PDB file of all heavy atoms in Angstrom:
ATOM      1  N   TYR A   1      20.238  -9.742  -8.525  1.00  0.00           N
ATOM      2  CA  TYR A   1      19.870  -8.342  -8.312  1.00  0.00           C
ATOM      3  C   TYR A   1      18.457  -8.056  -8.826  1.00  0.00           C
ATOM      4  O   TYR A   1      17.675  -7.365  -8.167  1.00  0.00           O
ATOM      5  CB  TYR A   1      20.872  -7.394  -8.982  1.00  0.00           C
ATOM      6  CG  TYR A   1      20.469  -5.954  -8.807  1.00  0.00           C
ATOM      7  CD1 TYR A   1      20.645  -5.312  -7.585  1.00  0.00           C
ATOM      8  CD2 TYR A   1      19.878  -5.257  -9.850  1.00  0.00           C
ATOM      9  CE1 TYR A   1      20.249  -3.996  -7.402  1.00  0.00           C
ATOM     10  CE2 TYR A   1      19.477  -3.939  -9.678  1.00  0.00           C
ATOM     11  CZ  TYR A   1      19.660  -3.314  -8.455  1.00  0.00           C
ATOM     12  OH  TYR A   1      19.251  -2.018  -8.282  1.00  0.00           O
ATOM     13  N   GLU A   2      18.118  -8.585  -9.985  1.00  0.00           N
ATOM     14  CA  GLU A   2      16.773  -8.372 -10.549  1.00  0.00           C
ATOM     15  C   GLU A   2      15.712  -8.983  -9.647  1.00  0.00           C
ATOM     16  O   GLU A   2      14.637  -8.396  -9.446  1.00  0.00           O
ATOM     17  CB  GLU A   2      16.691  -8.976 -11.949  1.00  0.00           C
ATOM     18  CG  GLU A   2      17.506  -8.231 -12.975  1.00  0.00           C
ATOM     19  CD  GLU A   2      17.621  -8.971 -14.288  1.00  0.00           C
ATOM     20  OE1 GLU A   2      17.572 -10.231 -14.293  1.00  0.00           O
ATOM     21  OE2 GLU A   2      17.773  -8.294 -15.316  1.00  0.00           O
ATOM     22  N   ARG A   3      16.011 -10.148  -9.087  1.00  0.00           N
ATOM     23  CA  ARG A   3      15.064 -10.777  -8.168  1.00  0.00           C
ATOM     24  C   ARG A   3      14.911  -9.934  -6.901  1.00  0.00           C
ATOM     25  O   ARG A   3      13.810  -9.705  -6.434  1.00  0.00           O
ATOM     26  CB  ARG A   3      15.478 -12.204  -7.824  1.00  0.00           C
ATOM     27  CG  ARG A   3      14.468 -12.845  -6.872  1.00  0.00           C
ATOM     28  CD  ARG A   3      14.618 -14.308  -6.744  1.00  0.00           C
ATOM     29  NE  ARG A   3      15.879 -14.673  -6.133  1.00  0.00           N
ATOM     30  CZ  ARG A   3      16.180 -15.908  -5.773  1.00  0.00           C
ATOM     31  NH1 ARG A   3      15.328 -16.880  -5.992  1.00  0.00           N
ATOM     32  NH2 ARG A   3      17.334 -16.175  -5.218  1.00  0.00           N
ATOM     33  N   PHE A   4      16.036  -9.457  -6.364  1.00  0.00           N
ATOM     34  CA  PHE A   4      15.977  -8.593  -5.187  1.00  0.00           C
ATOM     35  C   PHE A   4      15.117  -7.358  -5.476  1.00  0.00           C
ATOM     36  O   PHE A   4      14.265  -6.980  -4.677  1.00  0.00           O
ATOM     37  CB  PHE A   4      17.386  -8.148  -4.762  1.00  0.00           C
ATOM     38  CG  PHE A   4      17.373  -7.010  -3.779  1.00  0.00           C
ATOM     39  CD1 PHE A   4      17.100  -7.238  -2.436  1.00  0.00           C
ATOM     40  CD2 PHE A   4      17.592  -5.709  -4.200  1.00  0.00           C
ATOM     41  CE1 PHE A   4      17.060  -6.195  -1.527  1.00  0.00           C
ATOM     42  CE2 PHE A   4      17.558  -4.653  -3.298  1.00  0.00           C
ATOM     43  CZ  PHE A   4      17.288  -4.901  -1.963  1.00  0.00           C
ATOM     44  N   GLU A   5      15.338  -6.743  -6.611  1.00  0.00           N
ATOM     45  CA  GLU A   5      14.599  -5.540  -6.975  1.00  0.00           C
ATOM     46  C   GLU A   5      13.098  -5.832  -7.100  1.00  0.00           C
ATOM     47  O   GLU A   5      12.264  -5.068  -6.612  1.00  0.00           O
ATOM     48  CB  GLU A   5      15.158  -4.978  -8.284  1.00  0.00           C
ATOM     49  CG  GLU A   5      14.731  -3.567  -8.559  1.00  0.00           C
ATOM     50  CD  GLU A   5      15.491  -2.993  -9.747  1.00  0.00           C
ATOM     51  OE1 GLU A   5      15.407  -3.573 -10.859  1.00  0.00           O
ATOM     52  OE2 GLU A   5      16.154  -1.972  -9.556  1.00  0.00           O
ATOM     53  N   LEU A   6      12.744  -6.924  -7.758  1.00  0.00           N
ATOM     54  CA  LEU A   6      11.342  -7.310  -7.902  1.00  0.00           C
ATOM     55  C   LEU A   6      10.701  -7.522  -6.536  1.00  0.00           C
ATOM     56  O   LEU A   6       9.634  -6.974  -6.240  1.00  0.00           O
ATOM     57  CB  LEU A   6      11.218  -8.583  -8.747  1.00  0.00           C
ATOM     58  CG  LEU A   6       9.824  -9.209  -8.821  1.00  0.00           C
ATOM     59  CD1 LEU A   6       8.830  -8.276  -9.513  1.00  0.00           C
ATOM     60  CD2 LEU A   6       9.889 -10.559  -9.535  1.00  0.00           C
ATOM     61  N   TYR A   7      11.344  -8.311  -5.682  1.00  0.00           N
ATOM     62  CA  TYR A   7      10.793  -8.604  -4.363  1.00  0.00           C
ATOM     63  C   TYR A   7      10.694  -7.337  -3.513  1.00  0.00           C
ATOM     64  O   TYR A   7       9.734  -7.148  -2.771  1.00  0.00           O
ATOM     65  CB  TYR A   7      11.636  -9.642  -3.633  1.00  0.00           C
ATOM     66  CG  TYR A   7      11.564 -11.034  -4.213  1.00  0.00           C
ATOM     67  CD1 TYR A   7      12.303 -12.058  -3.654  1.00  0.00           C
ATOM     68  CD2 TYR A   7      10.776 -11.337  -5.312  1.00  0.00           C
ATOM     69  CE1 TYR A   7      12.253 -13.349  -4.161  1.00  0.00           C
ATOM     70  CE2 TYR A   7      10.729 -12.611  -5.828  1.00  0.00           C
ATOM     71  CZ  TYR A   7      11.466 -13.614  -5.253  1.00  0.00           C
ATOM     72  OH  TYR A   7      11.418 -14.889  -5.746  1.00  0.00           O
ATOM     73  N   HIS A   8      11.692  -6.479  -3.613  1.00  0.00           N
ATOM     74  CA  HIS A   8      11.707  -5.234  -2.844  1.00  0.00           C
ATOM     75  C   HIS A   8      10.527  -4.341  -3.241  1.00  0.00           C
ATOM     76  O   HIS A   8       9.782  -3.849  -2.377  1.00  0.00           O
ATOM     77  CB  HIS A   8      13.045  -4.515  -3.078  1.00  0.00           C
ATOM     78  CG  HIS A   8      13.192  -3.258  -2.313  1.00  0.00           C
ATOM     79  ND1 HIS A   8      12.897  -2.027  -2.848  1.00  0.00           N
ATOM     80  CD2 HIS A   8      13.588  -3.031  -1.041  1.00  0.00           C
ATOM     81  CE1 HIS A   8      13.107  -1.094  -1.945  1.00  0.00           C
ATOM     82  NE2 HIS A   8      13.528  -1.669  -0.844  1.00  0.00           N
ATOM     83  N   PHE A   9      10.345  -4.099  -4.536  1.00  0.00           N
ATOM     84  CA  PHE A   9       9.234  -3.255  -4.990  1.00  0.00           C
ATOM     85  C   PHE A   9       7.882  -3.901  -4.688  1.00  0.00           C
ATOM     86  O   PHE A   9       6.928  -3.221  -4.298  1.00  0.00           O
ATOM     87  CB  PHE A   9       9.363  -2.930  -6.475  1.00  0.00           C
ATOM     88  CG  PHE A   9      10.431  -1.920  -6.755  1.00  0.00           C
ATOM     89  CD1 PHE A   9      11.515  -2.239  -7.554  1.00  0.00           C
ATOM     90  CD2 PHE A   9      10.377  -0.638  -6.218  1.00  0.00           C
ATOM     91  CE1 PHE A   9      12.522  -1.320  -7.806  1.00  0.00           C
ATOM     92  CE2 PHE A   9      11.372   0.300  -6.472  1.00  0.00           C
ATOM     93  CZ  PHE A   9      12.448  -0.046  -7.266  1.00  0.00           C
ATOM     94  N   TYR A  10       7.807  -5.200  -4.861  1.00  0.00           N
ATOM     95  CA  TYR A  10       6.584  -5.950  -4.577  1.00  0.00           C
ATOM     96  C   TYR A  10       6.212  -5.786  -3.099  1.00  0.00           C
ATOM     97  O   TYR A  10       5.072  -5.478  -2.761  1.00  0.00           O
ATOM     98  CB  TYR A  10       6.851  -7.415  -4.925  1.00  0.00           C
ATOM     99  CG  TYR A  10       5.709  -8.375  -4.799  1.00  0.00           C
ATOM    100  CD1 TYR A  10       4.899  -8.669  -5.892  1.00  0.00           C
ATOM    101  CD2 TYR A  10       5.471  -9.066  -3.612  1.00  0.00           C
ATOM    102  CE1 TYR A  10       3.876  -9.600  -5.800  1.00  0.00           C
ATOM    103  CE2 TYR A  10       4.446  -9.986  -3.512  1.00  0.00           C
ATOM    104  CZ  TYR A  10       3.661 -10.257  -4.610  1.00  0.00           C
ATOM    105  OH  TYR A  10       2.647 -11.174  -4.512  1.00  0.00           O
ATOM    106  N   TYR A  11       7.178  -5.989  -2.223  1.00  0.00           N
ATOM    107  CA  TYR A  11       6.990  -5.882  -0.779  1.00  0.00           C
ATOM    108  C   TYR A  11       6.421  -4.505  -0.419  1.00  0.00           C
ATOM    109  O   TYR A  11       5.460  -4.385   0.335  1.00  0.00           O
ATOM    110  CB  TYR A  11       8.336  -6.106  -0.094  1.00  0.00           C
ATOM    111  CG  TYR A  11       8.304  -6.172   1.411  1.00  0.00           C
ATOM    112  CD1 TYR A  11       8.227  -7.401   2.057  1.00  0.00           C
ATOM    113  CD2 TYR A  11       8.371  -5.022   2.187  1.00  0.00           C
ATOM    114  CE1 TYR A  11       8.222  -7.483   3.445  1.00  0.00           C
ATOM    115  CE2 TYR A  11       8.362  -5.084   3.572  1.00  0.00           C
ATOM    116  CZ  TYR A  11       8.290  -6.322   4.193  1.00  0.00           C
ATOM    117  OH  TYR A  11       8.275  -6.394   5.562  1.00  0.00           O
ATOM    118  N   HIS A  12       7.015  -3.473  -0.997  1.00  0.00           N
ATOM    119  CA  HIS A  12       6.580  -2.115  -0.673  1.00  0.00           C
ATOM    120  C   HIS A  12       5.261  -1.745  -1.355  1.00  0.00           C
ATOM    121  O   HIS A  12       4.497  -0.939  -0.812  1.00  0.00           O
ATOM    122  CB  HIS A  12       7.690  -1.119  -0.974  1.00  0.00           C
ATOM    123  CG  HIS A  12       8.839  -1.289  -0.023  1.00  0.00           C
ATOM    124  ND1 HIS A  12       8.749  -0.950   1.307  1.00  0.00           N
ATOM    125  CD2 HIS A  12      10.069  -1.812  -0.195  1.00  0.00           C
ATOM    126  CE1 HIS A  12       9.888  -1.235   1.918  1.00  0.00           C
ATOM    127  NE2 HIS A  12      10.700  -1.773   1.026  1.00  0.00           N
ATOM    128  N   LEU A  13       4.975  -2.342  -2.490  1.00  0.00           N
ATOM    129  CA  LEU A  13       3.667  -2.139  -3.120  1.00  0.00           C
ATOM    130  C   LEU A  13       2.560  -2.642  -2.190  1.00  0.00           C
ATOM    131  O   LEU A  13       1.513  -2.011  -2.057  1.00  0.00           O
ATOM    132  CB  LEU A  13       3.597  -2.854  -4.479  1.00  0.00           C
ATOM    133  CG  LEU A  13       2.227  -2.838  -5.177  1.00  0.00           C
ATOM    134  CD1 LEU A  13       1.773  -1.415  -5.467  1.00  0.00           C
ATOM    135  CD2 LEU A  13       2.290  -3.665  -6.460  1.00  0.00           C
ATOM    136  N   LEU A  14       2.799  -3.758  -1.528  1.00  0.00           N
ATOM    137  CA  LEU A  14       1.798  -4.302  -0.603  1.00  0.00           C
ATOM    138  C   LEU A  14       1.553  -3.336   0.552  1.00  0.00           C
ATOM    139  O   LEU A  14       0.409  -3.175   0.999  1.00  0.00           O
ATOM    140  CB  LEU A  14       2.241  -5.664  -0.081  1.00  0.00           C
ATOM    141  CG  LEU A  14       2.510  -6.729  -1.148  1.00  0.00           C
ATOM    142  CD1 LEU A  14       2.864  -8.052  -0.485  1.00  0.00           C
ATOM    143  CD2 LEU A  14       1.349  -6.882  -2.093  1.00  0.00           C
ATOM    144  N   ASN A  15       2.606  -2.680   1.037  1.00  0.00           N
ATOM    145  CA  ASN A  15       2.420  -1.670   2.092  1.00  0.00           C
ATOM    146  C   ASN A  15       1.605  -0.487   1.578  1.00  0.00           C
ATOM    147  O   ASN A  15       0.746   0.044   2.290  1.00  0.00           O
ATOM    148  CB  ASN A  15       3.771  -1.171   2.609  1.00  0.00           C
ATOM    149  CG  ASN A  15       4.485  -2.225   3.417  1.00  0.00           C
ATOM    150  OD1 ASN A  15       3.879  -3.131   3.972  1.00  0.00           O
ATOM    151  ND2 ASN A  15       5.797  -2.106   3.482  1.00  0.00           N
ATOM    152  N   THR A  16       1.854  -0.086   0.346  1.00  0.00           N
ATOM    153  CA  THR A  16       1.113   1.026  -0.248  1.00  0.00           C
ATOM    154  C   THR A  16      -0.363   0.668  -0.408  1.00  0.00           C
ATOM    155  O   THR A  16      -1.243   1.493  -0.138  1.00  0.00           O
ATOM    156  CB  THR A  16       1.733   1.416  -1.605  1.00  0.00           C
ATOM    157  OG1 THR A  16       3.109   1.757  -1.391  1.00  0.00           O
ATOM    158  CG2 THR A  16       1.000   2.576  -2.236  1.00  0.00           C
ATOM    159  N   VAL A  17      -0.640  -0.548  -0.834  1.00  0.00           N
ATOM    160  CA  VAL A  17      -2.032  -0.995  -0.955  1.00  0.00           C
ATOM    161  C   VAL A  17      -2.696  -0.971   0.418  1.00  0.00           C
ATOM    162  O   VAL A  17      -3.842  -0.528   0.557  1.00  0.00           O
ATOM    163  CB  VAL A  17      -2.122  -2.397  -1.595  1.00  0.00           C
ATOM    164  CG1 VAL A  17      -3.533  -2.960  -1.492  1.00  0.00           C
ATOM    165  CG2 VAL A  17      -1.672  -2.340  -3.048  1.00  0.00           C
ATOM    166  N   GLN A  18      -1.981  -1.418   1.446  1.00  0.00           N
ATOM    167  CA  GLN A  18      -2.535  -1.394   2.804  1.00  0.00           C
ATOM    168  C   GLN A  18      -2.868   0.041   3.219  1.00  0.00           C
ATOM    169  O   GLN A  18      -3.922   0.295   3.789  1.00  0.00           O
ATOM    170  CB  GLN A  18      -1.554  -2.012   3.799  1.00  0.00           C
ATOM    171  CG  GLN A  18      -2.064  -2.018   5.222  1.00  0.00           C
ATOM    172  CD  GLN A  18      -3.317  -2.858   5.370  1.00  0.00           C
ATOM    173  OE1 GLN A  18      -3.302  -4.027   5.018  1.00  0.00           O
ATOM    174  NE2 GLN A  18      -4.398  -2.278   5.858  1.00  0.00           N
ATOM    175  N   GLU A  19      -1.983   0.974   2.934  1.00  0.00           N
ATOM    176  CA  GLU A  19      -2.236   2.378   3.247  1.00  0.00           C
ATOM    177  C   GLU A  19      -3.468   2.880   2.501  1.00  0.00           C
ATOM    178  O   GLU A  19      -4.276   3.633   3.047  1.00  0.00           O
ATOM    179  CB  GLU A  19      -1.022   3.240   2.902  1.00  0.00           C
ATOM    180  CG  GLU A  19       0.161   3.004   3.801  1.00  0.00           C
ATOM    181  CD  GLU A  19       1.431   3.685   3.308  1.00  0.00           C
ATOM    182  OE1 GLU A  19       1.366   4.484   2.331  1.00  0.00           O
ATOM    183  OE2 GLU A  19       2.493   3.434   3.897  1.00  0.00           O
ATOM    184  N   GLY A  20      -3.623   2.466   1.256  1.00  0.00           N
ATOM    185  CA  GLY A  20      -4.793   2.842   0.468  1.00  0.00           C
ATOM    186  C   GLY A  20      -6.068   2.294   1.070  1.00  0.00           C
ATOM    187  O   GLY A  20      -7.086   3.008   1.167  1.00  0.00           O
ATOM    188  N   LEU A  21      -6.053   1.031   1.459  1.00  0.00           N
ATOM    189  CA  LEU A  21      -7.232   0.441   2.102  1.00  0.00           C
ATOM    190  C   LEU A  21      -7.572   1.176   3.394  1.00  0.00           C
ATOM    191  O   LEU A  21      -8.747   1.445   3.673  1.00  0.00           O
ATOM    192  CB  LEU A  21      -7.012  -1.046   2.385  1.00  0.00           C
ATOM    193  CG  LEU A  21      -7.205  -1.995   1.218  1.00  0.00           C
ATOM    194  CD1 LEU A  21      -6.746  -3.398   1.596  1.00  0.00           C
ATOM    195  CD2 LEU A  21      -8.650  -2.021   0.767  1.00  0.00           C
ATOM    196  N   ASP A  22      -6.553   1.510   4.173  1.00  0.00           N
ATOM    197  CA  ASP A  22      -6.777   2.256   5.408  1.00  0.00           C
ATOM    198  C   ASP A  22      -7.443   3.605   5.108  1.00  0.00           C
ATOM    199  O   ASP A  22      -8.364   4.018   5.807  1.00  0.00           O
ATOM    200  CB  ASP A  22      -5.467   2.478   6.161  1.00  0.00           C
ATOM    201  CG  ASP A  22      -4.868   1.194   6.712  1.00  0.00           C
ATOM    202  OD1 ASP A  22      -5.586   0.168   6.794  1.00  0.00           O
ATOM    203  OD2 ASP A  22      -3.670   1.206   7.057  1.00  0.00           O
ATOM    204  N   TYR A  23      -6.978   4.279   4.060  1.00  0.00           N
ATOM    205  CA  TYR A  23      -7.538   5.566   3.661  1.00  0.00           C
ATOM    206  C   TYR A  23      -9.014   5.409   3.277  1.00  0.00           C
ATOM    207  O   TYR A  23      -9.860   6.186   3.716  1.00  0.00           O
ATOM    208  CB  TYR A  23      -6.743   6.150   2.489  1.00  0.00           C
ATOM    209  CG  TYR A  23      -7.283   7.471   1.992  1.00  0.00           C
ATOM    210  CD1 TYR A  23      -6.786   8.667   2.486  1.00  0.00           C
ATOM    211  CD2 TYR A  23      -8.280   7.532   1.017  1.00  0.00           C
ATOM    212  CE1 TYR A  23      -7.270   9.886   2.040  1.00  0.00           C
ATOM    213  CE2 TYR A  23      -8.780   8.735   0.570  1.00  0.00           C
ATOM    214  CZ  TYR A  23      -8.268   9.911   1.080  1.00  0.00           C
ATOM    215  OH  TYR A  23      -8.768  11.120   0.631  1.00  0.00           O
ATOM    216  N   VAL A  24      -9.304   4.416   2.446  1.00  0.00           N
ATOM    217  CA  VAL A  24     -10.685   4.206   1.994  1.00  0.00           C
ATOM    218  C   VAL A  24     -11.587   3.912   3.193  1.00  0.00           C
ATOM    219  O   VAL A  24     -12.678   4.475   3.309  1.00  0.00           O
ATOM    220  CB  VAL A  24     -10.763   3.080   0.939  1.00  0.00           C
ATOM    221  CG1 VAL A  24     -12.204   2.710   0.633  1.00  0.00           C
ATOM    222  CG2 VAL A  24     -10.025   3.496  -0.337  1.00  0.00           C
ATOM    223  N   LEU A  25     -11.134   3.055   4.093  1.00  0.00           N
ATOM    224  CA  LEU A  25     -11.948   2.729   5.271  1.00  0.00           C
ATOM    225  C   LEU A  25     -12.151   3.961   6.155  1.00  0.00           C
ATOM    226  O   LEU A  25     -13.249   4.189   6.658  1.00  0.00           O
ATOM    227  CB  LEU A  25     -11.304   1.593   6.059  1.00  0.00           C
ATOM    228  CG  LEU A  25     -11.361   0.227   5.378  1.00  0.00           C
ATOM    229  CD1 LEU A  25     -10.509  -0.782   6.129  1.00  0.00           C
ATOM    230  CD2 LEU A  25     -12.795  -0.261   5.256  1.00  0.00           C
ATOM    231  N   GLU A  26     -11.131   4.755   6.324  1.00  0.00           N
ATOM    232  CA  GLU A  26     -11.238   5.971   7.129  1.00  0.00           C
ATOM    233  C   GLU A  26     -12.176   6.985   6.478  1.00  0.00           C
ATOM    234  O   GLU A  26     -12.861   7.745   7.163  1.00  0.00           O
ATOM    235  CB  GLU A  26      -9.851   6.575   7.356  1.00  0.00           C
ATOM    236  CG  GLU A  26      -9.849   7.819   8.205  1.00  0.00           C
ATOM    237  CD  GLU A  26     -10.284   7.590   9.647  1.00  0.00           C
ATOM    238  OE1 GLU A  26     -10.172   6.451  10.145  1.00  0.00           O
ATOM    239  OE2 GLU A  26     -10.752   8.559  10.269  1.00  0.00           O
ATOM    240  N   SER A  27     -12.233   6.974   5.151  1.00  0.00           N
ATOM    241  CA  SER A  27     -13.060   7.948   4.436  1.00  0.00           C
ATOM    242  C   SER A  27     -14.547   7.788   4.734  1.00  0.00           C
ATOM    243  O   SER A  27     -15.319   8.729   4.545  1.00  0.00           O
ATOM    244  CB  SER A  27     -12.819   7.849   2.923  1.00  0.00           C
ATOM    245  OG  SER A  27     -13.448   6.707   2.378  1.00  0.00           O
ATOM    246  N   PHE A  28     -14.964   6.638   5.197  1.00  0.00           N
ATOM    247  CA  PHE A  28     -16.370   6.440   5.544  1.00  0.00           C
ATOM    248  C   PHE A  28     -16.758   7.266   6.777  1.00  0.00           C
ATOM    249  O   PHE A  28     -17.923   7.550   7.002  1.00  0.00           O
ATOM    250  CB  PHE A  28     -16.673   4.962   5.801  1.00  0.00           C
ATOM    251  CG  PHE A  28     -16.648   4.131   4.553  1.00  0.00           C
ATOM    252  CD1 PHE A  28     -15.617   3.234   4.337  1.00  0.00           C
ATOM    253  CD2 PHE A  28     -17.642   4.237   3.599  1.00  0.00           C
ATOM    254  CE1 PHE A  28     -15.580   2.454   3.192  1.00  0.00           C
ATOM    255  CE2 PHE A  28     -17.615   3.476   2.445  1.00  0.00           C
ATOM    256  CZ  PHE A  28     -16.584   2.577   2.242  1.00  0.00           C
ATOM    257  N   HIS A  29     -15.764   7.646   7.572  1.00  0.00           N
ATOM    258  CA  HIS A  29     -16.034   8.360   8.817  1.00  0.00           C
ATOM    259  C   HIS A  29     -15.463   9.777   8.833  1.00  0.00           C
ATOM    260  O   HIS A  29     -15.737  10.531   9.759  1.00  0.00           O
ATOM    261  CB  HIS A  29     -15.458   7.570   9.995  1.00  0.00           C
ATOM    262  CG  HIS A  29     -15.961   6.166  10.027  1.00  0.00           C
ATOM    263  ND1 HIS A  29     -17.245   5.840  10.393  1.00  0.00           N
ATOM    264  CD2 HIS A  29     -15.360   5.000   9.671  1.00  0.00           C
ATOM    265  CE1 HIS A  29     -17.412   4.535  10.284  1.00  0.00           C
ATOM    266  NE2 HIS A  29     -16.286   4.000   9.847  1.00  0.00           N
ATOM    267  N   CYS A  30     -14.674  10.115   7.848  1.00  0.00           N
ATOM    268  CA  CYS A  30     -14.015  11.419   7.804  1.00  0.00           C
ATOM    269  C   CYS A  30     -14.265  12.032   6.425  1.00  0.00           C
ATOM    270  O   CYS A  30     -13.619  11.659   5.448  1.00  0.00           O
ATOM    271  CB  CYS A  30     -12.525  11.246   8.074  1.00  0.00           C
ATOM    272  SG  CYS A  30     -11.631  12.790   8.146  1.00  0.00           S
ATOM    273  N   LEU A  31     -15.195  12.942   6.358  1.00  0.00           N
ATOM    274  CA  LEU A  31     -15.621  13.483   5.072  1.00  0.00           C
ATOM    275  C   LEU A  31     -14.528  14.271   4.347  1.00  0.00           C
ATOM    276  O   LEU A  31     -14.620  14.486   3.137  1.00  0.00           O
ATOM    277  CB  LEU A  31     -16.856  14.362   5.263  1.00  0.00           C
ATOM    278  CG  LEU A  31     -18.087  13.617   5.806  1.00  0.00           C
ATOM    279  CD1 LEU A  31     -19.247  14.572   6.009  1.00  0.00           C
ATOM    280  CD2 LEU A  31     -18.482  12.488   4.868  1.00  0.00           C
ATOM    281  N   GLU A  32     -13.497  14.693   5.051  1.00  0.00           N
ATOM    282  CA  GLU A  32     -12.399  15.409   4.396  1.00  0.00           C
ATOM    283  C   GLU A  32     -11.623  14.499   3.442  1.00  0.00           C
ATOM    284  O   GLU A  32     -10.932  14.979   2.544  1.00  0.00           O
ATOM    285  CB  GLU A  32     -11.414  15.999   5.419  1.00  0.00           C
ATOM    286  CG  GLU A  32     -12.006  17.041   6.332  1.00  0.00           C
ATOM    287  CD  GLU A  32     -12.644  16.429   7.565  1.00  0.00           C
ATOM    288  OE1 GLU A  32     -12.070  15.503   8.162  1.00  0.00           O
ATOM    289  OE2 GLU A  32     -13.743  16.883   7.924  1.00  0.00           O
TER     290      GLU A  32
END
């Protein structure tokens, strides 16, 4: 269970980082 929990949170952290990178890249073209 602990391994499942670690992998699950890790997996979703990577998606969150991707969303953050997308935001930063978009910010170069969208001043809002």
